[in-house]
Structure formats: structure tokens, C-alpha cells
Amino acid sequence: MDNHTSEFLLLEFSKLWEIRIMYLTLLMVLYLMTIMGNFLIISVVSLDSHLHSPMYFFLMNLALQDVGSVSVIIPKAVFNMATNIRYISYSGCVAQVLLFAFFMSCDIALLTIMAYDRFVAICNPLHYEMIMNKKFCNKMVGIVWIVSLINAGLHTIGTFTNHFCSNTINQFYCEIPQLLKFACSDIYVIEFGYIIFIMILVFGCFIFIAITYAQIFSVVSRIPSVQGRKKAFSTCFPHFTVFSIFLVASSFAYLIPRPDKPSHFDFTITITYSIIPPMLNPIIYSMRNKDIKVALSKIFTLGIRKWTI
């Protein structure tokens, strides 16, 4: 088989309709929870002028990336399961790899920037407005988008310049490690080396976030107010936990060789790094946030008043 193939075959969950329905329901529930939570954040931050600050600007961009990352992979998987088909076109597979790599790269970069934003706000509050000004924030997000697009493009080129010996992908979307498993040419070594390099950078982001939060915790621990300490810890610790889960799960997916046959473990690992973090981010950053709750109550109250009138 060469790169002129017209389609790839994705994972067949089961020939039994009942089991396919079970997987379809699981993916749909996760998808709807992710979409609803992130769209809620986007709407609230956009509509409430009190939330037009760097922290919520980055949060809204993170929500946009999270919506994009799950929308690239889940709708196609749900459609395939509902119609009992397995194929995805060659161009569709290329698009999935490009867009998923782009959105995931943006997520990692934004989470790192958000950790820095919290560090400046808590550890250097007097200079916060000067450092995290509007121009700086826009520039950082622009750099994130450009660098992530370049990264995604390099991954896509490195993956699809290979010749493939099979067209069967043991995953419910076009995942780079699964594609490289049946690459016939030696070019895949270049892409695998690039994956290792990117994982080192991701681990570097993890170390940066860990050090940043360690300094934040050091400052927060000296706050006399118990409520103030609790608020800071309740936001930072869950964020650090979700990023840790993503790092461990993606390391399993991209760096550790997996068996040729599909397994429940592979499916769980993929769900853990590709869907769970985008689903949890709105809960961690927003549902426990007093400002978001107040903005939500205002919007719902205004909506009810307009509806009754």
C-alpha cells in the first residue's frame, strides 16, 4: 500500500449493535459535557465586561481550543459507530492529524501561560497590570497559534510522507503513533524523533508549571486568611493534576510501544489524554470560580426576565 490510498479503516468497536451503542453513548456523553461546559465559558466571558481580564481572556481561548480538539475526533467516531462503517478518507485522516495536533499544542501552551499569569497575579500583584497588559496577552495568544500550527504541520508532513503497509488503524481516529506502526519506509524514524523532542518540551512545560505553582503555594501559605489560601489551592492543585494526567497518558500513547491488536487499555489511554482534560478544564477553572458563578447568575436572570416579558 502507498500514500495514494483513498481511505483508512478505523477501529471496529464490535459487530454487536448493543456494544456499539454503549461506546457511542459514552463518547456522546463526554462530547456533550465538554462542548456545553466550554461554550458556557466562552459565552460568559464574552458577554460579561467584568471578566475582560487576562485570566479570563486566556480561559476563553483555552475553551475554544478544547471545543476544537474534541470536535475533530468524536463526531466522526460517533457517525461511524451509528452507521456501522469504519472508513475515513485519506484527506480526512490528514485533516484530523493536522487539526488535533494543532489544538492539543495550543492547549499545552495556554495552560503554561495561564500558570505564569497566576504566578504574576499572586506573587507580583503590584506589577500585574503592567506585565499582563492587553498587547502582551494578544501577542502571546498569537504566538501560541502560529507555533502550534507550525508544530502540527511538521507532525502531519512527518507522518504522511511515509509509505504505509496497511490501511487499518487500531484507534477510533487517526492517531499518529497508530499510523507510524504500519509505516514501511524508514522516514518514520524522523517523525518518531520529532515526537520525542516535542514530549521533552511538554515535560519542560510540566516542570515550569510545577515550579510556578510551588512558588505560588509558598506565597499563599503565608496568607493569614484561611479562605484566601483555600481559594488559591482549590484552583491550582486541580489544574496541576489534570496536566499531570495528560502528560502520563500521552507518554503512554506516544512513547511506549503498544500491541498490534486493539485493547480496552489503548482506548482508555486515548480517552484519558484526548477527551478528559478538555472536559475537566471548564470545571476546574470556572465552576469553582466565584466571578464565573456571579456572571452566570446574571445572564440566566436576564434571560428569564426577557423570556417572561
Foldseek 3Di string as FASTA:
>chain_A
DFLVDFKFFEADQDPDLVRLVVVLVVLVVLLVLLLVLLVLLLVLCVPDPVNPFLLSVLSNVLSVLLNQLSVLFRVQLSVCSVVVGGIDTSVSQLVSQLRNQLSVQLNLQSLLVSLVLVLCCQVPVVCNCVCRPPVVSVVSSVVSNVVSNVLSVVLSCLQSVFTFPHRYFHHSGNDRVSSLVRGPDPSNVVSLVVVVVVLVVSVVSLVSSVVSVVVSLVRLVPDPDPVSSVLSCLQSVVSNVLSVQLSVLVCCVRPNDDDPHHDPVNHVSCCSNRRVSSSCSSVRHAVSDPVNVVSVVVVVVVVVVVVVD
